[in-house]
């Protein structure tokens, strides 16, 4: 899960997707992580507004710390999900040609009319709730797609 600073959208997506993975009894099989394309928040906790909104839905982001995407991530992970088009572009620029097919927009795997997870950083509290709504929808669908594709069901 990749966004710009790894303090709002991608850590939220990491925890929500991990919850969806656990709900399908696939925790020992599917590894979930998040990172940012930018470096300015490395080592920081998720934004307090993200943590508060997540907590209301029983998600705990408190143990996460921001990190930046590394070239090794593009080798290591089978799927890399960008929260928006700019991050998708940045990831595709980093990737070798044979790694590009594993990179996609996260919300393309859900049922929402949104293409991108909007950055809630400069929005009000409703922005963080919207992020959770979108990420929950895409996560539930995506874990089933991955499980089906790899016969994990």
C-alpha atoms as a PDB file:
ATOM      1  CA  UNK A   1       0.000   0.000   0.000  1.00  0.00           C
ATOM      2  CA  UNK A   2       1.660   3.217  -1.133  1.00  0.00           C
ATOM      3  CA  UNK A   3       0.760   6.884  -0.720  1.00  0.00           C
ATOM      4  CA  UNK A   4       2.838  10.030  -0.537  1.00  0.00           C
ATOM      5  CA  UNK A   5       3.997  10.292   3.073  1.00  0.00           C
ATOM      6  CA  UNK A   6       2.853   6.977   4.571  1.00  0.00           C
ATOM      7  CA  UNK A   7       1.002   8.685   7.421  1.00  0.00           C
ATOM      8  CA  UNK A   8      -2.654   8.758   6.282  1.00  0.00           C
ATOM      9  CA  UNK A   9      -3.911   6.652   3.390  1.00  0.00           C
ATOM     10  CA  UNK A  10      -1.394   3.829   3.067  1.00  0.00           C
ATOM     11  CA  UNK A  11      -1.156   2.952   6.774  1.00  0.00           C
ATOM     12  CA  UNK A  12      -4.950   2.967   6.907  1.00  0.00           C
ATOM     13  CA  UNK A  13      -5.049   0.683   3.866  1.00  0.00           C
ATOM     14  CA  UNK A  14      -2.394  -1.572   5.405  1.00  0.00           C
ATOM     15  CA  UNK A  15      -4.343  -2.138   8.608  1.00  0.00           C
ATOM     16  CA  UNK A  16      -7.755  -2.463   6.956  1.00  0.00           C
ATOM     17  CA  UNK A  17      -6.428  -4.862   4.315  1.00  0.00           C
ATOM     18  CA  UNK A  18      -4.615  -6.888   6.996  1.00  0.00           C
ATOM     19  CA  UNK A  19      -7.962  -7.138   8.819  1.00  0.00           C
ATOM     20  CA  UNK A  20      -9.630  -8.388   5.607  1.00  0.00           C
ATOM     21  CA  UNK A  21      -6.833 -10.925   5.165  1.00  0.00           C
ATOM     22  CA  UNK A  22      -7.352 -12.156   8.734  1.00  0.00           C
ATOM     23  CA  UNK A  23     -11.119 -12.371   8.173  1.00  0.00           C
ATOM     24  CA  UNK A  24     -10.447 -14.801   5.330  1.00  0.00           C
ATOM     25  CA  UNK A  25      -8.002 -16.816   7.515  1.00  0.00           C
ATOM     26  CA  UNK A  26      -5.053 -15.925   5.275  1.00  0.00           C
ATOM     27  CA  UNK A  27      -2.822 -14.082   7.752  1.00  0.00           C
ATOM     28  CA  UNK A  28      -0.018 -16.622   7.536  1.00  0.00           C
ATOM     29  CA  UNK A  29      -0.083 -16.526   3.743  1.00  0.00           C
ATOM     30  CA  UNK A  30      -0.552 -12.891   2.704  1.00  0.00           C
ATOM     31  CA  UNK A  31       1.909 -10.292   3.967  1.00  0.00           C
ATOM     32  CA  UNK A  32       0.766  -6.669   4.085  1.00  0.00           C
ATOM     33  CA  UNK A  33       2.907  -3.541   4.381  1.00  0.00           C
ATOM     34  CA  UNK A  34       2.787   0.144   3.493  1.00  0.00           C
ATOM     35  CA  UNK A  35       5.216   2.867   2.479  1.00  0.00           C
ATOM     36  CA  UNK A  36       5.353   6.342   1.004  1.00  0.00           C
ATOM     37  CA  UNK A  37       6.998   7.686  -2.107  1.00  0.00           C
ATOM     38  CA  UNK A  38       8.199  10.724  -0.117  1.00  0.00           C
ATOM     39  CA  UNK A  39      10.823  10.724   2.612  1.00  0.00           C
ATOM     40  CA  UNK A  40       9.798  13.548   4.936  1.00  0.00           C
ATOM     41  CA  UNK A  41       7.783  11.469   7.454  1.00  0.00           C
ATOM     42  CA  UNK A  42      10.142   8.489   7.854  1.00  0.00           C
ATOM     43  CA  UNK A  43       9.879   7.073  11.363  1.00  0.00           C
ATOM     44  CA  UNK A  44       6.756   9.041  12.290  1.00  0.00           C
ATOM     45  CA  UNK A  45       3.502   7.571  13.556  1.00  0.00           C
ATOM     46  CA  UNK A  46       0.426   7.822  11.363  1.00  0.00           C
ATOM     47  CA  UNK A  47      -1.424  11.142  11.427  1.00  0.00           C
ATOM     48  CA  UNK A  48      -3.428  11.421  14.660  1.00  0.00           C
ATOM     49  CA  UNK A  49      -6.621  12.031  12.676  1.00  0.00           C
ATOM     50  CA  UNK A  50      -6.117   8.783  10.746  1.00  0.00           C
ATOM     51  CA  UNK A  51      -5.516   6.928  13.995  1.00  0.00           C
ATOM     52  CA  UNK A  52      -8.604   8.454  15.605  1.00  0.00           C
ATOM     53  CA  UNK A  53     -10.889   7.643  12.660  1.00  0.00           C
ATOM     54  CA  UNK A  54      -9.492   4.106  12.443  1.00  0.00           C
ATOM     55  CA  UNK A  55      -9.879   3.569  16.190  1.00  0.00           C
ATOM     56  CA  UNK A  56     -13.604   4.364  15.911  1.00  0.00           C
ATOM     57  CA  UNK A  57     -13.868   1.329  13.622  1.00  0.00           C
ATOM     58  CA  UNK A  58     -11.655  -0.859  15.816  1.00  0.00           C
ATOM     59  CA  UNK A  59      -8.510  -0.582  13.685  1.00  0.00           C
ATOM     60  CA  UNK A  60      -5.225   0.117  15.460  1.00  0.00           C
ATOM     61  CA  UNK A  61      -2.575   2.065  13.541  1.00  0.00           C
ATOM     62  CA  UNK A  62      -0.473   2.953  16.609  1.00  0.00           C
ATOM     63  CA  UNK A  63       2.356   0.466  15.997  1.00  0.00           C
ATOM     64  CA  UNK A  64       3.030   1.655  12.436  1.00  0.00           C
ATOM     65  CA  UNK A  65       5.873   3.976  11.471  1.00  0.00           C
ATOM     66  CA  UNK A  66       6.263   5.730   8.137  1.00  0.00           C
ATOM     67  CA  UNK A  67       8.868   4.456   5.735  1.00  0.00           C
ATOM     68  CA  UNK A  68       9.799   5.176   2.151  1.00  0.00           C
ATOM     69  CA  UNK A  69       9.384   2.730  -0.718  1.00  0.00           C
ATOM     70  CA  UNK A  70      12.658   1.019  -1.613  1.00  0.00           C
ATOM     71  CA  UNK A  71      13.624  -0.703  -4.863  1.00  0.00           C
ATOM     72  CA  UNK A  72      13.690  -3.997  -2.920  1.00  0.00           C
ATOM     73  CA  UNK A  73       9.951  -3.592  -2.254  1.00  0.00           C
ATOM     74  CA  UNK A  74       9.301  -3.777  -5.974  1.00  0.00           C
ATOM     75  CA  UNK A  75      11.116  -7.124  -6.084  1.00  0.00           C
ATOM     76  CA  UNK A  76       9.748  -8.515  -2.833  1.00  0.00           C
ATOM     77  CA  UNK A  77       6.007  -7.925  -3.124  1.00  0.00           C
ATOM     78  CA  UNK A  78       3.690  -9.609  -5.624  1.00  0.00           C
ATOM     79  CA  UNK A  79       1.247  -6.695  -5.578  1.00  0.00           C
ATOM     80  CA  UNK A  80       1.838  -2.995  -5.048  1.00  0.00           C
ATOM     81  CA  UNK A  81      -1.176  -0.736  -4.692  1.00  0.00           C
ATOM     82  CA  UNK A  82      -0.959   3.012  -5.169  1.00  0.00           C
ATOM     83  CA  UNK A  83      -3.480   5.251  -3.468  1.00  0.00           C
ATOM     84  CA  UNK A  84      -3.524   7.797  -6.319  1.00  0.00           C
ATOM     85  CA  UNK A  85      -2.295   8.424  -9.858  1.00  0.00           C
ATOM     86  CA  UNK A  86       0.749  10.470  -8.849  1.00  0.00           C
ATOM     87  CA  UNK A  87       2.002   7.674  -6.616  1.00  0.00           C
ATOM     88  CA  UNK A  88       1.188   5.159  -9.345  1.00  0.00           C
ATOM     89  CA  UNK A  89       3.293   7.196 -11.761  1.00  0.00           C
ATOM     90  CA  UNK A  90       6.160   7.465  -9.259  1.00  0.00           C
ATOM     91  CA  UNK A  91       6.099   3.710  -8.607  1.00  0.00           C
ATOM     92  CA  UNK A  92       6.052   2.883 -12.312  1.00  0.00           C
ATOM     93  CA  UNK A  93       9.054   5.197 -12.792  1.00  0.00           C
ATOM     94  CA  UNK A  94      10.943   3.281 -10.071  1.00  0.00           C
ATOM     95  CA  UNK A  95      10.006  -0.160 -11.346  1.00  0.00           C
ATOM     96  CA  UNK A  96      11.894  -2.298 -13.805  1.00  0.00           C
ATOM     97  CA  UNK A  97       9.814  -3.264 -16.864  1.00  0.00           C
ATOM     98  CA  UNK A  98       9.035  -6.736 -15.482  1.00  0.00           C
ATOM     99  CA  UNK A  99       7.841  -5.232 -12.170  1.00  0.00           C
ATOM    100  CA  UNK A 100       5.339  -2.776 -13.623  1.00  0.00           C
ATOM    101  CA  UNK A 101       2.535  -5.283 -14.064  1.00  0.00           C
ATOM    102  CA  UNK A 102       2.303  -5.789 -10.290  1.00  0.00           C
ATOM    103  CA  UNK A 103       1.573  -2.084  -9.657  1.00  0.00           C
ATOM    104  CA  UNK A 104      -1.988  -0.757  -9.811  1.00  0.00           C
ATOM    105  CA  UNK A 105      -4.377   1.746  -8.284  1.00  0.00           C
ATOM    106  CA  UNK A 106      -5.839   0.307  -5.103  1.00  0.00           C
ATOM    107  CA  UNK A 107      -9.395   1.448  -5.760  1.00  0.00           C
ATOM    108  CA  UNK A 108      -9.492  -0.259  -9.157  1.00  0.00           C
ATOM    109  CA  UNK A 109     -10.109  -3.409  -7.121  1.00  0.00           C
ATOM    110  CA  UNK A 110     -13.196  -2.153  -5.301  1.00  0.00           C
ATOM    111  CA  UNK A 111     -16.730  -1.184  -6.249  1.00  0.00           C
ATOM    112  CA  UNK A 112     -16.467   2.551  -5.594  1.00  0.00           C
ATOM    113  CA  UNK A 113     -16.843   5.209  -8.281  1.00  0.00           C
ATOM    114  CA  UNK A 114     -13.585   6.715  -7.009  1.00  0.00           C
ATOM    115  CA  UNK A 115     -10.348   5.980  -8.904  1.00  0.00           C
ATOM    116  CA  UNK A 116      -8.099   7.405  -6.226  1.00  0.00           C
ATOM    117  CA  UNK A 117      -8.118   7.433  -2.456  1.00  0.00           C
ATOM    118  CA  UNK A 118      -8.348  11.186  -1.767  1.00  0.00           C
ATOM    119  CA  UNK A 119      -5.622  12.588   0.449  1.00  0.00           C
ATOM    120  CA  UNK A 120      -7.357  13.573   3.702  1.00  0.00           C
ATOM    121  CA  UNK A 121      -4.365  15.498   5.075  1.00  0.00           C
ATOM    122  CA  UNK A 122      -5.859  18.926   4.322  1.00  0.00           C
ATOM    123  CA  UNK A 123      -9.497  17.935   4.684  1.00  0.00           C
ATOM    124  CA  UNK A 124     -11.748  17.816   7.702  1.00  0.00           C
ATOM    125  CA  UNK A 125     -12.587  14.719   9.691  1.00  0.00           C
ATOM    126  CA  UNK A 126     -14.990  13.578   6.958  1.00  0.00           C
ATOM    127  CA  UNK A 127     -11.989  13.047   4.675  1.00  0.00           C
ATOM    128  CA  UNK A 128     -10.582  10.414   7.017  1.00  0.00           C
ATOM    129  CA  UNK A 129     -13.963   8.686   7.216  1.00  0.00           C
ATOM    130  CA  UNK A 130     -14.181   8.647   3.417  1.00  0.00           C
ATOM    131  CA  UNK A 131     -10.721   7.071   3.222  1.00  0.00           C
ATOM    132  CA  UNK A 132     -11.867   4.314   5.559  1.00  0.00           C
ATOM    133  CA  UNK A 133     -15.067   3.731   3.574  1.00  0.00           C
ATOM    134  CA  UNK A 134     -13.154   3.437   0.301  1.00  0.00           C
ATOM    135  CA  UNK A 135     -10.376   1.294   1.730  1.00  0.00           C
ATOM    136  CA  UNK A 136     -12.785  -1.095   3.460  1.00  0.00           C
ATOM    137  CA  UNK A 137     -14.675  -1.623   0.211  1.00  0.00           C
ATOM    138  CA  UNK A 138     -11.566  -2.239  -1.899  1.00  0.00           C
ATOM    139  CA  UNK A 139      -9.909  -4.433   0.744  1.00  0.00           C
ATOM    140  CA  UNK A 140     -12.819  -6.839   1.047  1.00  0.00           C
ATOM    141  CA  UNK A 141     -12.985  -7.292  -2.715  1.00  0.00           C
ATOM    142  CA  UNK A 142      -9.253  -7.441  -3.252  1.00  0.00           C
ATOM    143  CA  UNK A 143      -8.495 -10.122  -0.692  1.00  0.00           C
ATOM    144  CA  UNK A 144     -11.081 -12.372  -2.350  1.00  0.00           C
ATOM    145  CA  UNK A 145      -9.571 -11.693  -5.799  1.00  0.00           C
ATOM    146  CA  UNK A 146      -6.063 -12.519  -4.611  1.00  0.00           C
ATOM    147  CA  UNK A 147      -7.224 -15.629  -2.749  1.00  0.00           C
ATOM    148  CA  UNK A 148      -9.111 -16.835  -5.821  1.00  0.00           C
ATOM    149  CA  UNK A 149      -6.264 -16.116  -8.227  1.00  0.00           C
ATOM    150  CA  UNK A 150      -3.799 -18.072  -6.107  1.00  0.00           C
ATOM    151  CA  UNK A 151      -6.228 -20.807  -5.004  1.00  0.00           C
ATOM    152  CA  UNK A 152      -5.950 -19.825  -1.356  1.00  0.00           C
ATOM    153  CA  UNK A 153      -9.613 -20.377  -0.587  1.00  0.00           C
END
